[in-house]
């Protein structure tokens, strides 16, 4: 079978038979008028063939463009699917990220919520524009809100800022799917059941819940319906503001700060790692320190997966950490969730939203969601959405991910960029965490790093009493290599990525 037979009709296929079978025109057609007729017939056939090829090729291009797909990765399957439905409707990555993030505030109130804060980073790989960061986290704990120990509820304001900047679909189409899910109900996760069972006060707010049952949040659905119809003004400077702060002292001052709140928008900070540009919010200094320490090791691909090298990388990352044990202890209380999106136009979005503690606070508002408490210097500034791409070869490896842990982010980037692991293997690979009381490593039969690390004399670090498997740090990621998109939702978070 020839190349053309195997490949079908393509530009690379010859339009005639092999040259070894060609014959002279005079032999086929004779001379005189017959030769003219033959030439005309051949010319007509050639023109017709070229036109057919052009039509077929154009059709193939349209089909190829139609098959260009997007992906959404979250901690909850419904939210990933809501995101891809937005992409199918013609929305871009920003639209999908907004819809999926609002969905997560409904189904995962133990990790995020409308009362929380976060970061969003946006990047167009097609335009090579500078990535933008929308910060609605560390500027939410001051003013009169800070004096009463409550975070200004900033998530919707942050998402609205992204929509104004880059969104395509109408705002209501992005909010309505989450509102419907809150009203019709969603399946309670084991993680949510666990967090609610740990504090009896939350049972008063949500009732007795069991994993696998359906939870309906009608008050939250009403709030989201109003936000979908009228925009965020109803929450920040409208009728819902009074419900939001109905029991608070100094209400007028609180309402004024709420009405005047604006997220910060800036250019993302950039660092380099093994010929890749990494973009992230400024202020996460230990991430740059960790990446620079890895860069200095200059590890080759051939050596990257050897046990001794993995131990060296772990030592380097752990020793590069500059946070105090008190700071680490505060971060250990933090909860977050990540929404990652890529679309067919090569636009990348990473959103991390979170709370300073599981379920924020027990202050349930009249709007159906919990406010987040402040204190212990926990301003969610460790949230670390990341976008990266190859500096020299734009079509090579690039992607989006996010954590609240610089050491964990560095581990994942090492697996993806230096070791060349696929995204699922990189995300599910056993991890090590630096906690306030020492080092904690996930158990795995094939993972011998624990023994190696503990035997290293130059790693004077105690073993944490906290089991690493109990640490809720779910990392979702989407990777693109040339035109192939692969996505993965961390099994630790229980979600499932969605693509089309």
Protein backbone atom coordinates (compact mmCIF):
# COMPACT_ATOMS: atom_id res chain seq x y z
CA UNK A 1 0.00 0.00 0.00
CA UNK A 2 1.39 3.40 -0.98
CA UNK A 3 1.74 6.46 1.22
CA UNK A 4 -1.28 8.04 -0.48
CA UNK A 5 -3.45 4.98 0.09
CA UNK A 6 -2.63 5.05 3.80
CA UNK A 7 -2.95 8.80 4.28
CA UNK A 8 -5.90 9.57 2.07
CA UNK A 9 -6.09 12.66 -0.10
CA UNK A 10 -3.54 15.19 1.16
CA UNK A 11 -1.32 17.91 -0.25
CA UNK A 12 1.63 15.53 -0.04
CA UNK A 13 0.04 13.01 -2.39
CA UNK A 14 0.98 13.23 -6.10
CA UNK A 15 -1.84 14.09 -8.45
CA UNK A 16 -0.82 11.40 -10.94
CA UNK A 17 0.54 7.90 -10.80
CA UNK A 18 4.18 7.11 -10.02
CA UNK A 19 6.67 8.53 -12.52
CA UNK A 20 7.80 5.03 -13.45
CA UNK A 21 4.41 4.43 -15.04
CA UNK A 22 4.18 7.65 -17.04
CA UNK A 23 3.94 7.55 -20.85
CA UNK A 24 4.54 10.03 -23.63
CA UNK A 25 1.65 12.09 -24.93
CA UNK A 26 2.41 11.20 -28.51
CA UNK A 27 2.09 7.52 -27.65
CA UNK A 28 -1.20 7.96 -25.84
CA UNK A 29 -2.87 10.52 -28.06
CA UNK A 30 -1.27 10.50 -31.45
CA UNK A 31 -0.53 13.78 -33.29
CA UNK A 32 -2.36 16.83 -34.68
CA UNK A 33 -5.89 17.53 -33.52
CA UNK A 34 -5.88 14.48 -31.27
CA UNK A 35 -2.89 15.90 -29.40
CA UNK A 36 -4.69 19.24 -28.92
CA UNK A 37 -7.84 17.47 -27.69
CA UNK A 38 -5.76 15.31 -25.33
CA UNK A 39 -3.94 18.36 -23.93
CA UNK A 40 -7.25 20.16 -23.42
CA UNK A 41 -8.74 17.11 -21.70
CA UNK A 42 -5.69 16.73 -19.46
CA UNK A 43 -5.76 20.44 -18.62
CA UNK A 44 -9.49 20.29 -17.78
CA UNK A 45 -8.91 17.23 -15.63
CA UNK A 46 -6.04 18.92 -13.83
CA UNK A 47 -8.05 22.08 -13.14
CA UNK A 48 -11.02 20.03 -11.93
CA UNK A 49 -8.75 17.94 -9.70
CA UNK A 50 -7.13 21.03 -8.22
CA UNK A 51 -10.54 22.56 -7.49
CA UNK A 52 -11.71 19.35 -5.84
CA UNK A 53 -8.51 19.19 -3.81
CA UNK A 54 -8.97 22.80 -2.75
CA UNK A 55 -12.52 22.10 -1.59
CA UNK A 56 -11.44 18.96 0.26
CA UNK A 57 -8.48 20.74 1.83
CA UNK A 58 -10.65 23.68 2.91
CA UNK A 59 -13.15 21.25 4.40
CA UNK A 60 -10.37 19.48 6.26
CA UNK A 61 -9.18 22.83 7.62
CA UNK A 62 -12.65 23.67 8.86
CA UNK A 63 -12.94 20.26 10.49
CA UNK A 64 -9.53 20.72 12.06
CA UNK A 65 -10.49 24.13 13.40
CA UNK A 66 -13.74 22.67 14.65
CA UNK A 67 -11.83 20.00 16.54
CA UNK A 68 -9.67 22.54 18.37
CA UNK A 69 -10.86 22.07 21.89
CA UNK A 70 -10.65 23.50 25.36
CA UNK A 71 -10.31 22.02 28.81
CA UNK A 72 -11.42 22.85 32.34
CA UNK A 73 -9.98 21.23 35.48
CA UNK A 74 -11.59 21.69 38.91
CA UNK A 75 -12.16 19.79 42.17
CA UNK A 76 -15.75 18.95 41.28
CA UNK A 77 -16.92 17.22 38.12
CA UNK A 78 -20.04 19.36 37.71
CA UNK A 79 -17.95 22.54 37.81
CA UNK A 80 -15.55 21.23 35.16
CA UNK A 81 -18.54 20.37 32.96
CA UNK A 82 -20.14 23.77 33.52
CA UNK A 83 -16.89 25.34 32.34
CA UNK A 84 -16.71 23.32 29.12
CA UNK A 85 -20.39 24.03 28.40
CA UNK A 86 -19.51 27.73 28.49
CA UNK A 87 -16.70 27.08 26.00
CA UNK A 88 -19.08 25.17 23.73
CA UNK A 89 -21.48 28.12 23.78
CA UNK A 90 -18.74 30.33 22.34
CA UNK A 91 -17.31 31.66 25.58
CA UNK A 92 -13.58 32.03 26.09
CA UNK A 93 -11.32 30.76 28.87
CA UNK A 94 -12.16 33.75 31.08
CA UNK A 95 -15.90 33.07 30.78
CA UNK A 96 -15.42 29.38 31.56
CA UNK A 97 -13.19 30.13 34.55
CA UNK A 98 -15.76 32.52 36.01
CA UNK A 99 -18.60 30.01 35.65
CA UNK A 100 -16.55 27.14 37.09
CA UNK A 101 -15.26 29.22 40.02
CA UNK A 102 -18.76 30.35 41.01
CA UNK A 103 -19.80 26.71 40.82
CA UNK A 104 -17.00 25.78 43.25
CA UNK A 105 -18.25 28.38 45.76
CA UNK A 106 -21.53 26.45 45.78
CA UNK A 107 -20.31 22.86 46.06
CA UNK A 108 -17.19 23.39 48.21
CA UNK A 109 -17.99 25.92 50.97
CA UNK A 110 -15.29 24.25 53.11
CA UNK A 111 -12.57 25.38 50.65
CA UNK A 112 -13.89 28.51 49.00
CA UNK A 113 -16.90 30.77 48.91
CA UNK A 114 -18.26 34.15 47.93
CA UNK A 115 -16.97 35.39 51.28
CA UNK A 116 -13.38 34.47 50.45
CA UNK A 117 -10.65 35.92 48.27
CA UNK A 118 -8.22 34.86 45.59
CA UNK A 119 -6.05 35.50 42.56
CA UNK A 120 -6.66 35.12 38.84
CA UNK A 121 -3.98 35.14 36.16
CA UNK A 122 -4.87 35.60 32.46
CA UNK A 123 -2.63 35.01 29.46
CA UNK A 124 -3.03 34.88 25.67
CA UNK A 125 -0.32 32.66 24.22
CA UNK A 126 -1.55 33.55 20.75
CA UNK A 127 -0.96 37.28 21.24
CA UNK A 128 2.09 36.83 23.53
CA UNK A 129 0.66 39.60 25.69
CA UNK A 130 1.95 40.13 29.21
CA UNK A 131 -0.06 38.01 31.68
CA UNK A 132 -2.37 39.96 33.98
CA UNK A 133 -2.99 39.21 37.65
CA UNK A 134 -6.27 40.15 39.34
CA UNK A 135 -5.69 40.27 43.09
CA UNK A 136 -8.79 39.98 45.25
CA UNK A 137 -7.05 38.39 48.24
CA UNK A 138 -4.51 40.37 50.24
CA UNK A 139 -6.33 43.70 49.86
CA UNK A 140 -9.46 42.36 51.58
CA UNK A 141 -8.39 42.32 55.22
CA UNK A 142 -7.93 46.01 56.05
CA UNK A 143 -10.18 48.91 56.90
CA UNK A 144 -13.28 48.56 59.01
CA UNK A 145 -13.72 44.95 57.88
CA UNK A 146 -10.30 44.12 59.27
CA UNK A 147 -11.05 45.73 62.63
CA UNK A 148 -13.98 43.38 63.20
CA UNK A 149 -12.00 40.37 61.99
CA UNK A 150 -13.92 39.67 58.76
CA UNK A 151 -12.59 39.49 55.23
CA UNK A 152 -14.32 41.72 52.73
CA UNK A 153 -16.17 39.24 50.46
CA UNK A 154 -14.28 39.81 47.21
CA UNK A 155 -14.69 36.77 44.97
CA UNK A 156 -17.53 38.12 42.83
CA UNK A 157 -15.78 41.48 42.45
CA UNK A 158 -12.62 39.72 41.26
CA UNK A 159 -14.50 37.62 38.75
CA UNK A 160 -16.45 40.63 37.51
CA UNK A 161 -13.17 42.50 36.92
CA UNK A 162 -11.97 39.63 34.73
CA UNK A 163 -15.24 39.62 32.81
CA UNK A 164 -15.02 43.36 32.13
CA UNK A 165 -11.43 42.95 30.91
CA UNK A 166 -11.69 39.89 28.69
CA UNK A 167 -15.10 38.20 28.90
CA UNK A 168 -17.28 37.51 25.86
CA UNK A 169 -20.57 35.96 26.95
CA UNK A 170 -23.16 37.93 28.94
CA UNK A 171 -22.57 37.90 32.71
CA UNK A 172 -25.89 36.21 33.51
CA UNK A 173 -25.00 33.18 31.39
CA UNK A 174 -21.92 32.62 33.53
CA UNK A 175 -23.69 32.79 36.90
CA UNK A 176 -26.95 30.99 36.15
CA UNK A 177 -25.51 27.43 35.99
CA UNK A 178 -24.19 27.70 39.57
CA UNK A 179 -27.44 29.25 40.76
CA UNK A 180 -29.36 26.33 39.27
CA UNK A 181 -27.00 23.83 40.92
CA UNK A 182 -27.48 25.50 44.31
CA UNK A 183 -31.26 25.31 43.95
CA UNK A 184 -31.64 21.80 42.53
CA UNK A 185 -28.92 20.39 44.75
CA UNK A 186 -25.49 18.77 44.46
CA UNK A 187 -23.86 15.63 45.82
CA UNK A 188 -22.08 16.19 49.14
CA UNK A 189 -18.41 15.22 48.99
CA UNK A 190 -16.64 13.22 51.70
CA UNK A 191 -14.38 16.17 52.33
CA UNK A 192 -17.31 18.52 52.96
CA UNK A 193 -18.93 15.97 55.30
CA UNK A 194 -15.65 15.66 57.22
CA UNK A 195 -15.22 19.41 57.69
CA UNK A 196 -18.83 19.90 58.77
CA UNK A 197 -18.64 17.02 61.23
CA UNK A 198 -15.55 18.52 62.87
CA UNK A 199 -17.51 21.51 64.17
CA UNK A 200 -21.01 21.22 65.52
CA UNK A 201 -21.69 24.92 64.91
CA UNK A 202 -21.66 24.31 61.18
CA UNK A 203 -24.34 21.66 61.55
CA UNK A 204 -26.72 24.40 62.65
CA UNK A 205 -26.06 26.20 59.38
CA UNK A 206 -26.16 23.30 56.94
CA UNK A 207 -28.05 20.63 58.85
CA UNK A 208 -26.91 17.04 59.21
CA UNK A 209 -25.14 15.96 56.04
CA UNK A 210 -23.81 12.68 54.75
CA UNK A 211 -21.46 12.17 51.81
CA UNK A 212 -23.41 11.12 48.75
CA UNK A 213 -26.60 12.90 49.79
CA UNK A 214 -28.02 15.93 48.01
CA UNK A 215 -27.58 19.39 49.55
CA UNK A 216 -29.72 22.32 48.41
CA UNK A 217 -28.80 25.92 49.20
CA UNK A 218 -31.86 27.99 48.35
CA UNK A 219 -30.68 31.24 49.96
CA UNK A 220 -27.43 31.08 48.02
CA UNK A 221 -29.39 30.28 44.85
CA UNK A 222 -31.49 33.42 45.40
CA UNK A 223 -28.33 35.50 45.82
CA UNK A 224 -26.76 34.11 42.64
CA UNK A 225 -30.00 34.64 40.71
CA UNK A 226 -29.99 38.30 41.76
CA UNK A 227 -26.29 38.67 40.86
CA UNK A 228 -26.91 37.02 37.47
CA UNK A 229 -29.78 39.38 36.69
CA UNK A 230 -28.44 42.66 38.09
CA UNK A 231 -24.67 42.22 38.38
CA UNK A 232 -22.49 42.35 41.49
CA UNK A 233 -23.83 45.79 42.43
CA UNK A 234 -26.70 44.13 44.30
CA UNK A 235 -24.20 42.54 46.68
CA UNK A 236 -21.70 45.38 47.00
CA UNK A 237 -23.92 48.44 46.76
CA UNK A 238 -27.50 47.24 46.67
CA UNK A 239 -30.28 45.33 48.36
CA UNK A 240 -28.19 42.30 49.30
CA UNK A 241 -25.63 44.44 51.11
CA UNK A 242 -28.04 44.87 54.03
CA UNK A 243 -28.56 41.11 54.27
CA UNK A 244 -24.83 40.58 54.09
CA UNK A 245 -24.12 42.76 57.12
CA UNK A 246 -27.45 42.66 58.93
CA UNK A 247 -26.01 41.89 62.38
CA UNK A 248 -22.82 43.94 62.23
CA UNK A 249 -21.92 47.06 64.18
CA UNK A 250 -20.68 50.13 62.29
CA UNK A 251 -22.81 49.02 59.38
CA UNK A 252 -22.60 52.31 57.49
CA UNK A 253 -18.80 52.24 57.46
CA UNK A 254 -18.81 48.60 56.37
CA UNK A 255 -21.25 49.31 53.54
CA UNK A 256 -19.10 52.22 52.36
CA UNK A 257 -15.95 50.08 52.25
CA UNK A 258 -17.88 47.33 50.49
CA UNK A 259 -19.21 49.72 47.84
CA UNK A 260 -15.78 51.23 47.15
CA UNK A 261 -13.82 47.98 46.99
CA UNK A 262 -11.82 47.33 43.81
CA UNK A 263 -9.51 44.38 43.10
CA UNK A 264 -5.93 45.17 42.14
CA UNK A 265 -4.90 44.49 38.53
CA UNK A 266 -1.22 44.25 37.63
CA UNK A 267 1.30 42.62 35.31
CA UNK A 268 2.33 39.16 36.51
CA UNK A 269 5.78 38.62 37.91
CA UNK A 270 8.10 36.49 35.77
CA UNK A 271 10.94 34.12 36.50
CA UNK A 272 12.70 31.51 34.35
CA UNK A 273 13.19 27.81 34.88
CA UNK A 274 14.98 25.53 32.41
CA UNK A 275 14.20 27.77 29.42
CA UNK A 276 10.58 28.22 30.50
CA UNK A 277 8.92 31.47 31.53
CA UNK A 278 6.91 31.19 34.74
CA UNK A 279 4.28 33.84 35.57
CA UNK A 280 2.71 34.29 38.99
CA UNK A 281 1.51 37.01 41.41
CA UNK A 282 4.21 39.16 42.96
CA UNK A 283 4.83 38.78 46.67
CA UNK A 284 5.32 35.01 46.80
CA UNK A 285 9.04 35.35 47.46
CA UNK A 286 9.70 31.77 48.57
CA UNK A 287 8.51 30.48 45.18
CA UNK A 288 11.15 32.44 43.30
CA UNK A 289 13.74 31.31 45.85
CA UNK A 290 12.80 27.66 45.34
CA UNK A 291 12.81 27.93 41.54
CA UNK A 292 16.19 29.67 41.51
CA UNK A 293 17.62 26.97 43.75
CA UNK A 294 16.40 24.27 41.34
CA UNK A 295 17.74 26.18 38.35
CA UNK A 296 21.19 26.27 39.93
CA UNK A 297 21.29 22.46 40.16
CA UNK A 298 21.38 22.18 36.34
CA UNK A 299 20.01 18.66 36.30
CA UNK A 300 19.89 16.84 32.96
CA UNK A 301 16.90 14.89 31.71
CA UNK A 302 18.89 11.64 31.93
CA UNK A 303 19.58 12.20 35.64
CA UNK A 304 16.28 13.85 36.61
CA UNK A 305 14.40 10.71 37.68
CA UNK A 306 17.19 8.93 39.55
CA UNK A 307 16.61 8.41 43.25
CA UNK A 308 19.73 10.32 44.28
CA UNK A 309 18.69 13.27 42.12
CA UNK A 310 15.14 13.27 43.50
CA UNK A 311 16.58 13.33 47.00
CA UNK A 312 18.85 16.23 46.09
CA UNK A 313 15.91 18.16 44.63
CA UNK A 314 13.88 17.56 47.80
CA UNK A 315 16.74 18.71 50.01
CA UNK A 316 17.21 21.82 47.87
CA UNK A 317 13.54 22.78 47.98
CA UNK A 318 13.13 22.13 51.69
CA UNK A 319 16.26 24.06 52.56
CA UNK A 320 15.23 26.97 50.34
CA UNK A 321 12.13 27.69 52.40
CA UNK A 322 12.35 30.95 54.32
CA UNK A 323 9.03 30.92 56.18
CA UNK A 324 8.90 30.69 59.94
CA UNK A 325 7.10 27.85 61.69
CA UNK A 326 4.43 30.33 62.85
CA UNK A 327 3.80 31.44 59.27
CA UNK A 328 3.61 27.83 58.12
CA UNK A 329 1.17 27.06 60.93
CA UNK A 330 -1.13 29.87 59.77
CA UNK A 331 -1.02 28.59 56.18
CA UNK A 332 -1.86 25.07 57.36
CA UNK A 333 -5.29 26.35 58.38
CA UNK A 334 -5.87 27.81 54.92
CA UNK A 335 -8.09 26.12 52.37
CA UNK A 336 -8.24 26.77 48.63
CA UNK A 337 -9.42 25.39 45.34
CA UNK A 338 -8.07 25.88 41.83
CA UNK A 339 -9.87 26.30 38.50
CA UNK A 340 -7.74 25.89 35.37
CA UNK A 341 -8.94 26.64 31.83
CA UNK A 342 -7.55 26.64 28.29
CA UNK A 343 -9.57 27.49 25.20
CA UNK A 344 -9.15 26.99 21.46
CA UNK A 345 -7.68 30.46 21.03
CA UNK A 346 -4.73 29.60 23.28
CA UNK A 347 -5.98 31.70 26.18
CA UNK A 348 -4.94 30.36 29.58
CA UNK A 349 -6.51 31.10 32.95
CA UNK A 350 -5.58 29.99 36.46
CA UNK A 351 -7.88 30.95 39.36
CA UNK A 352 -7.23 30.21 43.01
CA UNK A 353 -9.83 31.14 45.60
CA UNK A 354 -9.84 30.24 49.24
CA UNK A 355 -10.60 30.81 52.90
CA UNK A 356 -8.33 31.48 55.87
CA UNK A 357 -9.72 28.36 57.59
CA UNK A 358 -12.11 25.51 56.70
CA UNK A 359 -15.56 27.03 56.04
CA UNK A 360 -14.19 30.50 56.82
CA UNK A 361 -16.20 31.41 59.90
CA UNK A 362 -19.52 30.48 61.44
CA UNK A 363 -20.94 33.85 60.42
CA UNK A 364 -23.68 32.83 58.00
CA UNK A 365 -25.13 35.85 56.23
CA UNK A 366 -28.65 36.40 55.01
CA UNK A 367 -27.30 35.83 51.51
CA UNK A 368 -26.67 32.11 51.96
CA UNK A 369 -22.88 32.00 52.28
CA UNK A 370 -20.32 32.24 55.07
CA UNK A 371 -18.02 35.21 55.53
CA UNK A 372 -14.32 34.54 56.07
CA UNK A 373 -12.54 35.50 59.27
CA UNK A 374 -9.18 37.25 59.35
CA UNK A 375 -6.33 37.21 61.81
CA UNK A 376 -3.04 35.38 62.27
CA UNK A 377 -1.68 37.41 59.34
CA UNK A 378 -3.36 35.01 56.94
CA UNK A 379 -4.24 37.16 53.94
CA UNK A 380 -4.24 34.33 51.35
CA UNK A 381 -1.05 35.79 49.87
CA UNK A 382 0.41 32.28 49.53
CA UNK A 383 -2.14 31.43 46.83
CA UNK A 384 -0.03 30.79 43.77
CA UNK A 385 -1.69 30.52 40.33
CA UNK A 386 0.97 29.80 37.69
CA UNK A 387 1.15 30.00 33.90
CA UNK A 388 4.25 28.77 32.09
CA UNK A 389 5.54 28.27 28.54
CA UNK A 390 8.75 27.45 26.69
CA UNK A 391 10.73 30.62 25.98
CA UNK A 392 12.47 29.40 22.82
CA UNK A 393 9.81 27.16 21.26
CA UNK A 394 6.32 28.63 21.66
CA UNK A 395 4.57 25.45 20.50
CA UNK A 396 6.36 23.25 23.01
CA UNK A 397 5.30 22.59 26.58
CA UNK A 398 3.10 25.21 28.26
CA UNK A 399 0.41 25.03 30.89
CA UNK A 400 -1.52 26.27 33.91
CA UNK A 401 -1.64 25.06 37.52
CA UNK A 402 -1.87 26.47 41.02
CA UNK A 403 -1.26 25.72 44.71
CA UNK A 404 -0.82 27.60 47.97
CA UNK A 405 2.61 26.04 48.56
CA UNK A 406 5.81 27.21 46.84
CA UNK A 407 7.61 23.92 47.52
CA UNK A 408 4.72 21.89 46.11
CA UNK A 409 4.51 24.09 43.00
CA UNK A 410 8.24 23.64 42.47
CA UNK A 411 7.92 19.86 42.78
CA UNK A 412 5.24 19.79 40.10
CA UNK A 413 7.15 22.03 37.71
CA UNK A 414 10.23 19.85 38.17
CA UNK A 415 8.17 16.75 37.25
CA UNK A 416 6.69 18.43 34.17
CA UNK A 417 9.60 20.44 32.81
CA UNK A 418 12.75 18.60 33.87
CA UNK A 419 11.57 14.99 34.18
CA UNK A 420 9.11 15.27 31.29
CA UNK A 421 6.28 13.42 33.07
CA UNK A 422 2.78 13.58 31.67
CA UNK A 423 0.38 15.78 33.60
CA UNK A 424 -1.53 12.96 35.32
CA UNK A 425 1.64 11.25 36.57
CA UNK A 426 3.11 14.56 37.71
CA UNK A 427 0.00 15.51 39.69
CA UNK A 428 -0.51 12.08 41.27
CA UNK A 429 3.16 11.57 42.14
CA UNK A 430 3.74 11.26 45.92
CA UNK A 431 4.59 14.59 47.53
CA UNK A 432 6.46 15.95 50.51
CA UNK A 433 5.31 18.90 52.59
CA UNK A 434 7.16 21.16 55.00
CA UNK A 435 4.83 21.62 57.98
CA UNK A 436 5.23 23.59 61.17
CA UNK A 437 6.46 20.50 63.06
CA UNK A 438 8.61 18.96 60.35
CA UNK A 439 8.61 16.98 57.11
CA UNK A 440 5.62 14.91 55.96
CA UNK A 441 5.81 12.56 52.97
CA UNK A 442 2.99 10.75 51.23
CA UNK A 443 3.26 6.97 51.38
CA UNK A 444 3.63 4.93 48.23
CA UNK A 445 5.10 1.47 47.68
CA UNK A 446 7.22 2.65 44.78
CA UNK A 447 8.24 5.86 46.48
CA UNK A 448 11.45 5.41 48.48
CA UNK A 449 12.18 9.08 48.92
CA UNK A 450 11.14 8.95 52.56
CA UNK A 451 13.94 6.57 53.48
CA UNK A 452 16.48 8.45 51.39
CA UNK A 453 15.59 11.81 52.90
CA UNK A 454 15.62 10.57 56.47
CA UNK A 455 19.08 9.07 55.96
CA UNK A 456 20.58 12.29 54.65
CA UNK A 457 22.76 13.76 57.36
CA UNK A 458 22.56 17.29 55.94
CA UNK A 459 18.77 17.39 56.20
CA UNK A 460 18.28 18.09 59.87
CA UNK A 461 14.52 18.10 59.90
CA UNK A 462 12.13 16.17 62.17
CA UNK A 463 9.34 14.01 60.81
CA UNK A 464 5.93 15.64 61.18
CA UNK A 465 3.25 13.98 63.27
CA UNK A 466 0.72 14.92 60.57
CA UNK A 467 -0.01 12.23 58.01
CA UNK A 468 0.61 13.68 54.54
CA UNK A 469 -2.41 11.82 53.16
CA UNK A 470 -4.66 13.98 55.36
CA UNK A 471 -3.35 17.22 53.83
CA UNK A 472 -5.95 18.69 51.49
CA UNK A 473 -3.85 20.29 48.77
CA UNK A 474 -5.54 19.43 45.52
CA UNK A 475 -3.71 20.60 42.39
CA UNK A 476 -5.43 20.77 39.01
CA UNK A 477 -3.52 21.39 35.81
CA UNK A 478 -3.86 21.69 32.05
CA UNK A 479 -0.87 21.16 29.77
CA UNK A 480 -0.49 21.81 26.06
CA UNK A 481 2.24 20.41 23.83
CA UNK A 482 2.03 21.56 20.22
CA UNK A 483 -1.72 21.23 19.52
CA UNK A 484 -2.47 18.52 22.09
CA UNK A 485 -4.22 19.55 25.31
CA UNK A 486 -4.12 17.23 28.33
CA UNK A 487 -5.80 18.02 31.62
CA UNK A 488 -5.97 16.44 35.04
CA UNK A 489 -7.97 17.03 38.21
CA UNK A 490 -6.16 15.83 41.32
CA UNK A 491 -7.61 12.65 42.84
CA UNK A 492 -6.93 14.25 46.23
CA UNK A 493 -9.68 16.76 45.45
CA UNK A 494 -12.12 14.25 43.99
CA UNK A 495 -12.80 16.19 40.80
CA UNK A 496 -12.65 15.25 37.16
CA UNK A 497 -11.36 17.43 34.33
CA UNK A 498 -13.62 18.04 31.33
CA UNK A 499 -12.54 18.49 27.70
CA UNK A 500 -14.15 18.69 24.29
